[in-house]
N, C-alpha and C. Protein backbone atom coordinates (compact mmCIF):
# COMPACT_ATOMS: atom_id res chain seq x y z
N MET A 1 -9.61 -18.25 -34.05
CA MET A 1 -9.43 -18.12 -32.62
C MET A 1 -8.78 -16.79 -32.27
N LYS A 2 -7.82 -16.36 -33.09
CA LYS A 2 -7.16 -15.09 -32.81
C LYS A 2 -8.13 -13.92 -32.96
N ILE A 3 -9.09 -14.04 -33.88
CA ILE A 3 -10.05 -12.97 -34.09
C ILE A 3 -10.98 -12.84 -32.88
N ILE A 4 -11.27 -13.95 -32.24
CA ILE A 4 -12.14 -13.93 -31.06
C ILE A 4 -11.43 -13.26 -29.89
N LYS A 5 -10.14 -13.49 -29.74
CA LYS A 5 -9.39 -12.92 -28.63
C LYS A 5 -9.00 -11.46 -28.85
N LEU A 6 -9.07 -10.97 -30.06
CA LEU A 6 -8.61 -9.61 -30.36
C LEU A 6 -9.32 -8.54 -29.55
N PRO A 7 -10.66 -8.53 -29.45
CA PRO A 7 -11.30 -7.49 -28.63
C PRO A 7 -10.89 -7.56 -27.16
N PHE A 8 -10.72 -8.79 -26.64
CA PHE A 8 -10.31 -8.93 -25.25
C PHE A 8 -8.88 -8.44 -25.03
N LYS A 9 -8.03 -8.66 -26.04
CA LYS A 9 -6.66 -8.17 -25.92
C LYS A 9 -6.62 -6.65 -25.98
N LEU A 10 -7.47 -6.04 -26.78
CA LEU A 10 -7.53 -4.58 -26.83
C LEU A 10 -8.01 -4.01 -25.50
N ILE A 11 -9.00 -4.67 -24.91
CA ILE A 11 -9.47 -4.25 -23.59
C ILE A 11 -8.37 -4.45 -22.55
N ALA A 12 -7.61 -5.53 -22.70
CA ALA A 12 -6.51 -5.81 -21.77
C ALA A 12 -5.43 -4.74 -21.86
N TYR A 13 -5.15 -4.24 -23.07
CA TYR A 13 -4.17 -3.16 -23.20
C TYR A 13 -4.62 -1.91 -22.46
N ILE A 14 -5.89 -1.59 -22.55
CA ILE A 14 -6.42 -0.42 -21.83
C ILE A 14 -6.32 -0.65 -20.32
N LEU A 15 -6.66 -1.85 -19.88
CA LEU A 15 -6.57 -2.16 -18.46
C LEU A 15 -5.12 -2.15 -17.97
N ILE A 16 -4.19 -2.60 -18.81
CA ILE A 16 -2.77 -2.55 -18.44
C ILE A 16 -2.32 -1.11 -18.23
N ALA A 17 -2.75 -0.22 -19.11
CA ALA A 17 -2.39 1.18 -18.96
C ALA A 17 -2.97 1.77 -17.68
N ILE A 18 -4.23 1.44 -17.39
CA ILE A 18 -4.87 1.96 -16.18
C ILE A 18 -4.19 1.42 -14.93
N VAL A 19 -3.90 0.13 -14.93
CA VAL A 19 -3.26 -0.48 -13.76
C VAL A 19 -1.84 0.06 -13.58
N CYS A 20 -1.13 0.31 -14.68
CA CYS A 20 0.22 0.89 -14.57
C CYS A 20 0.17 2.29 -13.97
N ILE A 21 -0.80 3.08 -14.38
CA ILE A 21 -0.94 4.42 -13.82
C ILE A 21 -1.30 4.35 -12.34
N LEU A 22 -2.22 3.45 -11.98
CA LEU A 22 -2.58 3.28 -10.57
C LEU A 22 -1.39 2.80 -9.74
N THR A 23 -0.60 1.89 -10.30
CA THR A 23 0.58 1.40 -9.60
C THR A 23 1.57 2.52 -9.36
N LEU A 24 1.78 3.34 -10.36
CA LEU A 24 2.70 4.48 -10.21
C LEU A 24 2.20 5.45 -9.15
N ILE A 25 0.91 5.74 -9.15
CA ILE A 25 0.35 6.66 -8.17
C ILE A 25 0.49 6.09 -6.76
N VAL A 26 0.20 4.80 -6.60
CA VAL A 26 0.29 4.19 -5.28
C VAL A 26 1.74 4.14 -4.80
N LYS A 27 2.68 3.86 -5.71
CA LYS A 27 4.10 3.85 -5.32
C LYS A 27 4.54 5.23 -4.83
N VAL A 28 4.13 6.27 -5.53
CA VAL A 28 4.49 7.63 -5.12
C VAL A 28 3.85 7.95 -3.76
N LEU A 29 2.59 7.59 -3.58
CA LEU A 29 1.91 7.87 -2.32
C LEU A 29 2.53 7.09 -1.16
N VAL A 30 2.92 5.85 -1.40
CA VAL A 30 3.56 5.07 -0.33
C VAL A 30 4.90 5.68 0.04
N ASN A 31 5.68 6.08 -0.95
CA ASN A 31 6.98 6.69 -0.65
C ASN A 31 6.82 8.01 0.09
N LEU A 32 5.85 8.82 -0.31
CA LEU A 32 5.65 10.09 0.38
C LEU A 32 5.09 9.88 1.78
N SER A 33 4.21 8.91 1.94
CA SER A 33 3.63 8.69 3.26
C SER A 33 4.65 8.14 4.25
N THR A 34 5.64 7.40 3.76
CA THR A 34 6.66 6.91 4.68
C THR A 34 7.51 8.06 5.22
N TYR A 35 7.69 9.11 4.42
CA TYR A 35 8.42 10.27 4.92
C TYR A 35 7.63 11.00 6.00
N VAL A 36 6.32 10.91 5.96
CA VAL A 36 5.49 11.56 6.97
C VAL A 36 5.28 10.63 8.16
N LEU A 37 4.94 9.38 7.89
CA LEU A 37 4.62 8.45 8.97
C LEU A 37 5.85 7.97 9.73
N GLY A 38 7.01 7.94 9.08
CA GLY A 38 8.22 7.47 9.76
C GLY A 38 8.57 8.30 10.99
N PRO A 39 8.74 9.61 10.85
CA PRO A 39 9.02 10.41 12.06
C PRO A 39 7.87 10.40 13.07
N PHE A 40 6.63 10.34 12.57
CA PHE A 40 5.49 10.28 13.48
C PHE A 40 5.51 8.99 14.28
N MET A 41 5.87 7.89 13.65
CA MET A 41 5.95 6.62 14.36
C MET A 41 7.09 6.63 15.37
N LEU A 42 8.21 7.24 15.02
CA LEU A 42 9.31 7.37 15.99
C LEU A 42 8.87 8.19 17.19
N PHE A 43 8.12 9.26 16.94
CA PHE A 43 7.58 10.08 18.03
C PHE A 43 6.64 9.26 18.91
N LEU A 44 5.78 8.45 18.27
CA LEU A 44 4.86 7.61 19.04
C LEU A 44 5.60 6.57 19.87
N ILE A 45 6.68 6.00 19.33
CA ILE A 45 7.47 5.04 20.10
C ILE A 45 8.10 5.72 21.31
N GLY A 46 8.61 6.94 21.11
CA GLY A 46 9.14 7.70 22.25
C GLY A 46 8.07 8.01 23.28
N CYS A 47 6.87 8.34 22.81
CA CYS A 47 5.77 8.59 23.74
C CYS A 47 5.39 7.32 24.49
N CYS A 48 5.43 6.17 23.82
CA CYS A 48 5.12 4.90 24.48
C CYS A 48 6.13 4.61 25.59
N ILE A 49 7.39 4.85 25.30
CA ILE A 49 8.43 4.62 26.31
C ILE A 49 8.22 5.55 27.51
N PHE A 50 7.93 6.81 27.23
CA PHE A 50 7.69 7.77 28.30
C PHE A 50 6.48 7.38 29.15
N VAL A 51 5.41 6.95 28.48
CA VAL A 51 4.19 6.58 29.19
C VAL A 51 4.41 5.32 30.02
N ILE A 52 5.21 4.38 29.52
CA ILE A 52 5.51 3.17 30.29
C ILE A 52 6.31 3.53 31.54
N VAL A 53 7.29 4.43 31.40
CA VAL A 53 8.11 4.84 32.54
C VAL A 53 7.25 5.54 33.59
N LYS A 54 6.35 6.41 33.15
CA LYS A 54 5.50 7.14 34.08
C LYS A 54 4.33 6.32 34.61
N GLY A 55 3.97 5.25 33.90
CA GLY A 55 2.91 4.38 34.37
C GLY A 55 1.51 4.84 34.01
N PHE A 56 1.36 5.61 32.95
CA PHE A 56 0.04 6.05 32.49
C PHE A 56 -0.49 5.01 31.50
N TRP A 57 -1.16 4.00 32.01
CA TRP A 57 -1.53 2.86 31.19
C TRP A 57 -2.67 3.16 30.23
N SER A 58 -3.58 4.05 30.61
CA SER A 58 -4.67 4.38 29.69
C SER A 58 -4.15 5.14 28.46
N GLN A 59 -3.16 6.02 28.68
CA GLN A 59 -2.56 6.73 27.55
C GLN A 59 -1.73 5.78 26.68
N LEU A 60 -1.16 4.75 27.29
CA LEU A 60 -0.39 3.77 26.52
C LEU A 60 -1.31 3.03 25.55
N LEU A 61 -2.52 2.75 25.97
CA LEU A 61 -3.48 2.10 25.09
C LEU A 61 -3.80 2.97 23.88
N ILE A 62 -3.98 4.25 24.10
CA ILE A 62 -4.30 5.18 23.01
C ILE A 62 -3.11 5.33 22.06
N ILE A 63 -1.94 5.56 22.62
CA ILE A 63 -0.75 5.77 21.78
C ILE A 63 -0.36 4.48 21.06
N GLY A 64 -0.48 3.35 21.75
CA GLY A 64 -0.18 2.07 21.11
C GLY A 64 -1.13 1.77 19.97
N THR A 65 -2.41 2.13 20.14
CA THR A 65 -3.38 1.96 19.07
C THR A 65 -3.03 2.82 17.87
N LEU A 66 -2.61 4.06 18.10
CA LEU A 66 -2.18 4.93 17.00
C LEU A 66 -0.97 4.35 16.27
N LEU A 67 -0.04 3.81 17.03
CA LEU A 67 1.15 3.21 16.43
C LEU A 67 0.79 1.98 15.59
N ILE A 68 -0.09 1.15 16.09
CA ILE A 68 -0.52 -0.02 15.34
C ILE A 68 -1.27 0.38 14.07
N LEU A 69 -2.08 1.43 14.15
CA LEU A 69 -2.80 1.91 12.96
C LEU A 69 -1.84 2.45 11.90
N CYS A 70 -0.76 3.10 12.33
CA CYS A 70 0.25 3.58 11.37
C CYS A 70 0.92 2.41 10.66
N VAL A 71 1.29 1.40 11.42
CA VAL A 71 1.94 0.22 10.83
C VAL A 71 0.98 -0.49 9.89
N LEU A 72 -0.29 -0.63 10.30
CA LEU A 72 -1.28 -1.29 9.45
C LEU A 72 -1.56 -0.51 8.17
N SER A 73 -1.53 0.82 8.25
CA SER A 73 -1.77 1.60 7.04
C SER A 73 -0.64 1.40 6.03
N LEU A 74 0.59 1.34 6.49
CA LEU A 74 1.71 1.08 5.58
C LEU A 74 1.66 -0.34 5.03
N PHE A 75 1.27 -1.29 5.87
CA PHE A 75 1.16 -2.67 5.42
C PHE A 75 0.07 -2.81 4.36
N CYS A 76 -1.08 -2.17 4.59
CA CYS A 76 -2.17 -2.25 3.62
C CYS A 76 -1.80 -1.58 2.30
N ALA A 77 -1.07 -0.48 2.37
CA ALA A 77 -0.64 0.19 1.15
C ALA A 77 0.31 -0.70 0.36
N ALA A 78 1.21 -1.39 1.05
CA ALA A 78 2.12 -2.31 0.37
C ALA A 78 1.35 -3.49 -0.22
N TRP A 79 0.32 -3.96 0.47
CA TRP A 79 -0.50 -5.07 -0.02
C TRP A 79 -1.26 -4.66 -1.28
N ILE A 80 -1.79 -3.44 -1.29
CA ILE A 80 -2.49 -2.93 -2.48
C ILE A 80 -1.52 -2.83 -3.65
N LEU A 81 -0.31 -2.35 -3.39
CA LEU A 81 0.70 -2.24 -4.43
C LEU A 81 1.06 -3.62 -5.00
N LEU A 82 1.19 -4.61 -4.13
CA LEU A 82 1.47 -5.96 -4.58
C LEU A 82 0.33 -6.52 -5.42
N PHE A 83 -0.90 -6.26 -5.02
CA PHE A 83 -2.06 -6.72 -5.77
C PHE A 83 -2.11 -6.08 -7.16
N LEU A 84 -1.83 -4.78 -7.25
CA LEU A 84 -1.83 -4.10 -8.55
C LEU A 84 -0.74 -4.65 -9.47
N GLU A 85 0.44 -4.91 -8.90
CA GLU A 85 1.53 -5.44 -9.73
C GLU A 85 1.22 -6.86 -10.22
N SER A 86 0.59 -7.67 -9.38
CA SER A 86 0.26 -9.02 -9.84
C SER A 86 -0.87 -8.98 -10.87
N ALA A 87 -1.82 -8.07 -10.72
CA ALA A 87 -2.87 -7.92 -11.73
C ALA A 87 -2.28 -7.47 -13.05
N ASN A 88 -1.31 -6.58 -13.00
CA ASN A 88 -0.64 -6.12 -14.21
C ASN A 88 0.12 -7.27 -14.89
N ASP A 89 0.79 -8.10 -14.10
CA ASP A 89 1.50 -9.25 -14.67
C ASP A 89 0.53 -10.25 -15.30
N ASN A 90 -0.61 -10.47 -14.65
CA ASN A 90 -1.60 -11.38 -15.21
C ASN A 90 -2.17 -10.85 -16.52
N LEU A 91 -2.43 -9.56 -16.60
CA LEU A 91 -2.93 -8.97 -17.84
C LEU A 91 -1.89 -9.07 -18.96
N LYS A 92 -0.63 -8.83 -18.62
CA LYS A 92 0.42 -8.94 -19.62
C LYS A 92 0.58 -10.38 -20.09
N GLY A 93 0.41 -11.33 -19.18
CA GLY A 93 0.46 -12.73 -19.58
C GLY A 93 -0.69 -13.10 -20.50
N PHE A 94 -1.87 -12.53 -20.27
CA PHE A 94 -3.01 -12.80 -21.14
C PHE A 94 -2.77 -12.26 -22.53
N VAL A 95 -2.14 -11.09 -22.62
CA VAL A 95 -1.90 -10.48 -23.94
C VAL A 95 -0.86 -11.28 -24.71
N ARG A 96 0.12 -11.86 -24.03
CA ARG A 96 1.18 -12.61 -24.70
C ARG A 96 0.70 -13.93 -25.28
N ILE A 97 -0.34 -14.49 -24.70
CA ILE A 97 -0.82 -15.80 -25.19
C ILE A 97 -1.51 -15.66 -26.52
């Protein structure tokens, strides 16, 4: 039985290395993007407040959509990171058995 699982475990080791590298790259990209998107989102919130005070409702729709897209991009990046980490844990669990 161990001989049958050996090729799959070797493939799993390669996949673990690839997933670890992808996880590291995504973590770095998420951290760097928060430094860019954070001030941009604060600027958009300030623009939303200004537009609400002035009553420019069509511009509020555009700026609010940009703000929602920024939040969704960070959420999706975190979701991808969570998926990669769980895939890595599953592969490591397969190798341990």
